[in-house]
Amino acid sequence: MVALGWMAERKTYVEIGQYEKTLARFKKDVFPWIGKRSIAEIDAPEILAVLKRIDSRGARFTAHRVRSEVSRVFRYAIKEGYCKTDPARDLVDAIPPAQTTHFASITEPEKVGAMLRAFDGFSGTFPVLCALKLAPMLFTRPGELRKAEWSQFDLGKGEWRYLVTKTRTEHLVPLATQAVQILRELYALTGNGRYVFPGARSAQRPMSDAAINAALRRLGYDTRTEITGHGFRAMARTILHEELEQKPEVIEHQLAHAVPDNLGKAYNRTKFLKERRLMMQKWADYLEVLKTTVPVTSIASVT
């Protein structure tokens, strides 16, 4: 009853196909085992058994998807007063990753929030600090961010246009209000030069390609196993799809991946532009919430 209530509420803002797929997953993999249990009595081991059953048939991605959806059911139940905790939240790492990526990345929202808070403690140069803050927000390729030129930006319109190095196609990055604010502050320092992020030794050259990863290591992150500058792309792609439920094709276009359309074009920089503008602002707002929401366990450990 609670799960169907969550789906009914969700049905008002997602495509009918998403609603139907979620319902089908629950009917197949969740309801037969815990569907008749009182939600207030369901604990983490029961949910884990459901996830392991899915994973055992080789559907690891589905197992992760179901965990996320079950967690949302519990959050809905908390809101409606049916229970007080979300046991699925503690099972984020219970099932091995659905796929390995070449670049290390952080995709758990709480860990992302902790990382964003860590950025504020960075003691390096202001341009590198700004690059650190913009990298997860814009999730462009690291080389394109560090080589960004002021001539490519229109802060009034909230746009950044440049040629994608990999495909030599023009790309447009809608800038959220948070990104514009960071860039305006940085413009006061580097706006008289060519590069948004000039090199430490010479303003005539862009920031070093090792600067972001060096900054991450300086903050205590292992760039081999935890997060790299390129890993922000995987982070955004995963969370935008799984947590914010953005359309895969909109995400792929914003990542500047080659996505053939019905005319055979490999990439169209203006496609889904309205949706991408909304998505980029929603993403920046989400990151801001993650950064400012410290888990109760973290507060307890500090006090």
Protein backbone atom coordinates (compact mmCIF):
# COMPACT_ATOMS: atom_id res chain seq x y z
CA MET A 1 0.00 0.00 0.00
CA VAL A 2 2.79 2.43 0.89
CA ALA A 3 4.87 1.54 -2.17
CA LEU A 4 1.89 2.02 -4.47
CA GLY A 5 1.18 5.33 -2.76
CA TRP A 6 4.70 6.49 -3.53
CA MET A 7 4.34 5.37 -7.14
CA ALA A 8 1.01 7.17 -7.49
CA GLU A 9 2.60 10.39 -6.25
CA ARG A 10 5.61 9.90 -8.50
CA LYS A 11 3.38 9.20 -11.50
CA THR A 12 2.46 12.90 -11.60
CA TYR A 13 5.98 13.99 -12.56
CA VAL A 14 7.64 11.09 -14.41
CA GLU A 15 6.92 9.58 -17.78
CA ILE A 16 4.38 6.77 -17.83
CA GLY A 17 7.09 4.39 -19.03
CA GLN A 18 9.17 5.03 -15.90
CA TYR A 19 6.15 4.46 -13.70
CA GLU A 20 5.31 1.18 -15.43
CA LYS A 21 8.90 -0.11 -15.22
CA THR A 22 9.08 0.65 -11.50
CA LEU A 23 5.75 -1.06 -10.87
CA ALA A 24 6.86 -4.09 -12.87
CA ARG A 25 10.11 -4.35 -10.87
CA PHE A 26 8.23 -4.25 -7.57
CA LYS A 27 5.68 -6.83 -8.70
CA LYS A 28 8.43 -9.18 -9.84
CA ASP A 29 11.20 -8.66 -7.28
CA VAL A 30 9.83 -6.96 -4.16
CA PHE A 31 6.13 -7.54 -3.47
CA PRO A 32 6.26 -11.37 -3.47
CA TRP A 33 8.69 -11.32 -0.51
CA ILE A 34 8.03 -8.17 1.53
CA GLY A 35 4.93 -6.71 -0.10
CA LYS A 36 2.58 -7.78 2.68
CA ARG A 37 4.88 -6.85 5.55
CA SER A 38 4.22 -3.75 7.66
CA ILE A 39 6.72 -1.18 6.44
CA ALA A 40 7.59 -0.19 10.00
CA GLU A 41 8.71 -3.76 10.71
CA ILE A 42 10.86 -4.34 7.62
CA ASP A 43 14.58 -4.29 8.43
CA ALA A 44 17.79 -4.10 6.41
CA PRO A 45 18.45 -7.89 6.30
CA GLU A 46 15.03 -8.47 4.70
CA ILE A 47 15.73 -5.87 2.04
CA LEU A 48 19.22 -7.24 1.47
CA ALA A 49 17.74 -10.69 0.85
CA VAL A 50 15.57 -9.17 -1.88
CA LEU A 51 18.59 -7.47 -3.45
CA LYS A 52 20.74 -10.60 -3.31
CA ARG A 53 17.97 -12.60 -4.98
CA ILE A 54 17.98 -10.13 -7.88
CA ASP A 55 21.78 -10.02 -8.04
CA SER A 56 22.03 -13.82 -8.07
CA ARG A 57 20.36 -13.96 -11.47
CA GLY A 58 22.96 -11.59 -12.94
CA ALA A 59 20.82 -8.45 -12.78
CA ARG A 60 23.20 -6.34 -10.69
CA PHE A 61 22.11 -3.00 -12.14
CA THR A 62 18.49 -3.87 -11.35
CA ALA A 63 19.49 -4.76 -7.79
CA HIS A 64 20.98 -1.30 -7.33
CA ARG A 65 17.97 0.31 -8.95
CA VAL A 66 15.57 -1.58 -6.67
CA ARG A 67 17.55 -0.57 -3.58
CA SER A 68 17.26 3.08 -4.60
CA GLU A 69 13.53 2.76 -5.26
CA VAL A 70 12.86 0.88 -2.02
CA SER A 71 14.73 3.63 -0.20
CA ARG A 72 12.40 6.19 -1.79
CA VAL A 73 9.40 4.19 -0.63
CA PHE A 74 10.71 4.41 2.92
CA ARG A 75 11.35 8.15 2.58
CA TYR A 76 7.77 8.55 1.37
CA ALA A 77 6.59 6.45 4.33
CA ILE A 78 8.53 8.65 6.74
CA LYS A 79 6.88 11.71 5.24
CA GLU A 80 3.43 10.14 5.58
CA GLY A 81 4.09 8.96 9.14
CA TYR A 82 4.14 5.19 8.48
CA CYS A 83 7.68 4.64 9.77
CA LYS A 84 10.61 6.54 11.20
CA THR A 85 13.71 5.18 9.46
CA ASP A 86 14.94 4.06 6.03
CA PRO A 87 16.85 0.75 6.41
CA ALA A 88 17.53 0.62 2.65
CA ARG A 89 19.74 3.67 3.02
CA ASP A 90 22.31 1.58 4.89
CA LEU A 91 22.59 -0.91 2.03
CA VAL A 92 24.21 1.39 -0.55
CA ASP A 93 27.42 -0.67 -0.65
CA ALA A 94 25.86 -4.04 0.21
CA ILE A 95 25.82 -5.15 -3.44
CA PRO A 96 29.05 -4.77 -5.50
CA PRO A 97 29.06 -1.97 -8.10
CA ALA A 98 26.95 -2.62 -11.16
CA GLN A 99 29.83 -1.74 -13.43
CA THR A 100 33.42 -0.67 -13.12
CA THR A 101 34.47 2.63 -14.63
CA HIS A 102 37.92 3.50 -15.89
CA PHE A 103 37.98 6.62 -13.76
CA ALA A 104 37.43 6.46 -10.00
CA SER A 105 34.23 8.20 -8.94
CA ILE A 106 32.01 8.86 -5.95
CA THR A 107 28.32 8.19 -6.58
CA GLU A 108 26.83 7.94 -3.08
CA PRO A 109 25.02 11.22 -2.30
CA GLU A 110 26.23 11.42 1.30
CA LYS A 111 29.86 10.95 0.24
CA VAL A 112 29.41 13.57 -2.45
CA GLY A 113 28.15 16.01 0.18
CA ALA A 114 31.16 15.28 2.40
CA MET A 115 33.49 15.88 -0.54
CA LEU A 116 31.87 19.21 -1.40
CA ARG A 117 32.25 20.32 2.22
CA ALA A 118 35.91 19.28 2.09
CA PHE A 119 36.44 21.63 -0.84
CA ASP A 120 35.83 24.59 1.46
CA GLY A 121 38.90 23.56 3.43
CA PHE A 122 41.18 23.69 0.39
CA SER A 123 44.14 25.99 1.07
CA GLY A 124 45.51 26.25 -2.45
CA THR A 125 45.08 29.05 -4.98
CA PHE A 126 41.69 30.65 -5.64
CA PRO A 127 41.54 29.56 -9.34
CA VAL A 128 42.10 25.92 -8.38
CA LEU A 129 39.48 26.20 -5.63
CA CYS A 130 37.00 27.55 -8.18
CA ALA A 131 37.89 24.73 -10.58
CA LEU A 132 37.27 22.22 -7.79
CA LYS A 133 33.83 23.70 -7.14
CA LEU A 134 32.89 23.92 -10.82
CA ALA A 135 34.16 20.47 -11.86
CA PRO A 136 31.31 18.46 -10.28
CA MET A 137 28.75 21.16 -11.11
CA LEU A 138 29.56 21.31 -14.84
CA PHE A 139 30.95 17.74 -15.27
CA THR A 140 32.78 18.57 -18.50
CA ARG A 141 35.96 16.75 -19.46
CA PRO A 142 38.82 17.97 -17.22
CA GLY A 143 40.90 19.19 -20.15
CA GLU A 144 38.04 21.34 -21.43
CA LEU A 145 37.51 22.91 -18.01
CA ARG A 146 41.15 23.75 -17.37
CA LYS A 147 41.59 25.20 -20.89
CA ALA A 148 38.39 27.29 -20.69
CA GLU A 149 38.76 30.83 -22.04
CA TRP A 150 36.79 33.86 -20.93
CA SER A 151 35.83 34.58 -24.54
CA GLN A 152 33.75 31.40 -24.52
CA PHE A 153 31.50 32.57 -21.68
CA ASP A 154 28.42 34.73 -21.63
CA LEU A 155 27.70 35.10 -17.93
CA GLY A 156 24.69 37.31 -18.65
CA LYS A 157 23.01 34.50 -20.59
CA GLY A 158 24.50 31.82 -18.35
CA GLU A 159 26.25 29.98 -21.19
CA TRP A 160 29.62 28.44 -21.97
CA ARG A 161 30.29 27.46 -25.59
CA TYR A 162 33.39 25.64 -26.76
CA LEU A 163 34.63 23.01 -29.20
CA VAL A 164 34.71 19.50 -27.80
CA THR A 165 38.28 18.27 -28.18
CA LYS A 166 37.25 14.67 -28.75
CA THR A 167 34.70 15.26 -31.51
CA ARG A 168 35.54 18.81 -32.72
CA THR A 169 31.87 19.73 -32.36
CA GLU A 170 30.50 22.84 -30.69
CA HIS A 171 29.10 22.26 -27.21
CA LEU A 172 26.94 24.45 -25.00
CA VAL A 173 26.99 24.21 -21.22
CA PRO A 174 24.06 25.99 -19.51
CA LEU A 175 25.39 27.62 -16.34
CA ALA A 176 23.36 27.38 -13.13
CA THR A 177 23.18 30.49 -10.99
CA GLN A 178 25.70 28.95 -8.58
CA ALA A 179 28.20 28.45 -11.42
CA VAL A 180 27.73 32.02 -12.63
CA GLN A 181 28.39 33.33 -9.13
CA ILE A 182 31.66 31.38 -8.86
CA LEU A 183 32.75 32.57 -12.30
CA ARG A 184 31.95 36.22 -11.54
CA GLU A 185 34.11 36.05 -8.41
CA LEU A 186 36.92 34.44 -10.39
CA TYR A 187 36.59 37.00 -13.21
CA ALA A 188 37.70 39.72 -10.81
CA LEU A 189 41.02 37.89 -10.49
CA THR A 190 41.67 36.33 -13.92
CA GLY A 191 39.23 38.19 -16.20
CA ASN A 192 41.94 40.37 -17.74
CA GLY A 193 43.67 37.32 -19.16
CA ARG A 194 42.81 34.69 -21.74
CA TYR A 195 42.28 31.70 -19.49
CA VAL A 196 39.65 31.28 -16.80
CA PHE A 197 42.11 29.08 -14.88
CA PRO A 198 45.61 30.36 -15.72
CA GLY A 199 48.70 28.38 -14.87
CA ALA A 200 50.50 28.96 -11.59
CA ARG A 201 53.76 29.81 -13.35
CA SER A 202 52.43 31.70 -16.34
CA ALA A 203 49.07 33.33 -17.04
CA GLN A 204 49.75 32.72 -20.74
CA ARG A 205 49.14 29.02 -20.24
CA PRO A 206 46.14 27.20 -18.77
CA MET A 207 46.15 25.45 -15.45
CA SER A 208 48.16 22.22 -15.29
CA ASP A 209 46.35 19.04 -16.24
CA ALA A 210 47.41 17.62 -12.87
CA ALA A 211 46.03 20.51 -10.80
CA ILE A 212 42.58 19.08 -10.01
CA ASN A 213 43.86 15.63 -9.11
CA ALA A 214 46.65 17.18 -7.03
CA ALA A 215 44.05 19.26 -5.18
CA LEU A 216 41.94 16.16 -4.53
CA ARG A 217 44.96 14.32 -3.14
CA ARG A 218 45.78 17.35 -0.99
CA LEU A 219 42.30 17.02 0.51
CA GLY A 220 42.94 13.38 1.33
CA TYR A 221 41.28 11.64 -1.63
CA ASP A 222 42.93 8.74 -3.43
CA THR A 223 42.70 9.56 -7.14
CA ARG A 224 43.29 5.92 -8.05
CA THR A 225 40.43 4.41 -6.08
CA GLU A 226 38.10 7.22 -4.90
CA ILE A 227 37.70 10.18 -7.26
CA THR A 228 39.47 11.87 -10.17
CA GLY A 229 38.74 15.01 -12.12
CA HIS A 230 37.21 12.85 -14.84
CA GLY A 231 35.21 10.93 -12.25
CA PHE A 232 32.86 13.88 -11.76
CA ARG A 233 31.29 12.93 -15.09
CA ALA A 234 30.42 9.42 -13.91
CA MET A 235 29.21 10.91 -10.62
CA ALA A 236 26.84 13.29 -12.39
CA ARG A 237 25.61 10.71 -14.88
CA THR A 238 24.82 8.17 -12.16
CA ILE A 239 23.12 10.50 -9.68
CA LEU A 240 21.23 12.51 -12.30
CA HIS A 241 19.71 9.29 -13.59
CA GLU A 242 19.19 7.31 -10.39
CA GLU A 243 18.43 10.02 -7.83
CA LEU A 244 17.06 12.94 -9.88
CA GLU A 245 15.49 10.70 -12.55
CA GLN A 246 16.66 12.75 -15.51
CA LYS A 247 16.27 11.33 -19.01
CA PRO A 248 19.35 9.40 -20.19
CA GLU A 249 19.35 11.12 -23.58
CA VAL A 250 19.37 14.57 -21.96
CA ILE A 251 22.26 13.55 -19.70
CA GLU A 252 24.22 12.11 -22.63
CA HIS A 253 23.83 15.30 -24.65
CA GLN A 254 25.01 17.37 -21.72
CA LEU A 255 28.02 15.07 -21.39
CA ALA A 256 28.74 15.91 -25.06
CA HIS A 257 28.64 12.24 -26.00
CA ALA A 258 27.89 11.29 -29.57
CA VAL A 259 24.17 10.46 -29.58
CA PRO A 260 22.91 9.81 -33.13
CA ASP A 261 19.51 11.34 -33.88
CA ASN A 262 16.93 10.32 -36.48
CA LEU A 263 18.73 12.41 -39.09
CA GLY A 264 21.95 10.52 -38.53
CA LYS A 265 23.79 13.40 -36.90
CA ALA A 266 26.32 12.30 -34.30
CA TYR A 267 25.67 15.26 -32.03
CA ASN A 268 23.41 18.29 -31.91
CA ARG A 269 24.51 20.96 -29.44
CA THR A 270 21.04 22.57 -29.27
CA LYS A 271 19.05 19.37 -28.75
CA PHE A 272 17.21 19.17 -25.42
CA LEU A 273 18.58 22.62 -24.61
CA LYS A 274 15.52 23.64 -22.57
CA GLU A 275 15.62 20.37 -20.62
CA ARG A 276 19.38 20.67 -20.16
CA ARG A 277 19.06 24.18 -18.71
CA LEU A 278 16.53 22.94 -16.20
CA MET A 279 18.61 19.87 -15.42
CA MET A 280 21.81 21.84 -14.82
CA GLN A 281 20.07 24.17 -12.37
CA LYS A 282 18.41 21.23 -10.65
CA TRP A 283 21.80 19.51 -10.40
CA ALA A 284 23.48 22.58 -8.89
CA ASP A 285 20.62 22.97 -6.40
CA TYR A 286 20.93 19.27 -5.49
CA LEU A 287 24.68 19.56 -4.90
CA GLU A 288 24.05 22.58 -2.70
CA VAL A 289 21.58 20.59 -0.60
CA LEU A 290 24.04 17.68 -0.30
CA LYS A 291 26.76 20.05 0.82
CA THR A 292 24.66 21.75 3.50
CA THR A 293 22.94 18.60 4.81
CA VAL A 294 25.30 16.99 7.32
CA PRO A 295 24.17 13.46 8.35
CA VAL A 296 23.07 13.09 11.97
CA THR A 297 25.81 10.48 12.51
CA SER A 298 28.44 13.00 11.40
CA ILE A 299 27.09 15.64 13.77
CA ALA A 300 27.13 13.13 16.62
CA SER A 301 30.73 12.19 15.92
CA VAL A 302 31.78 15.85 15.96
CA THR A 303 30.00 16.63 19.22
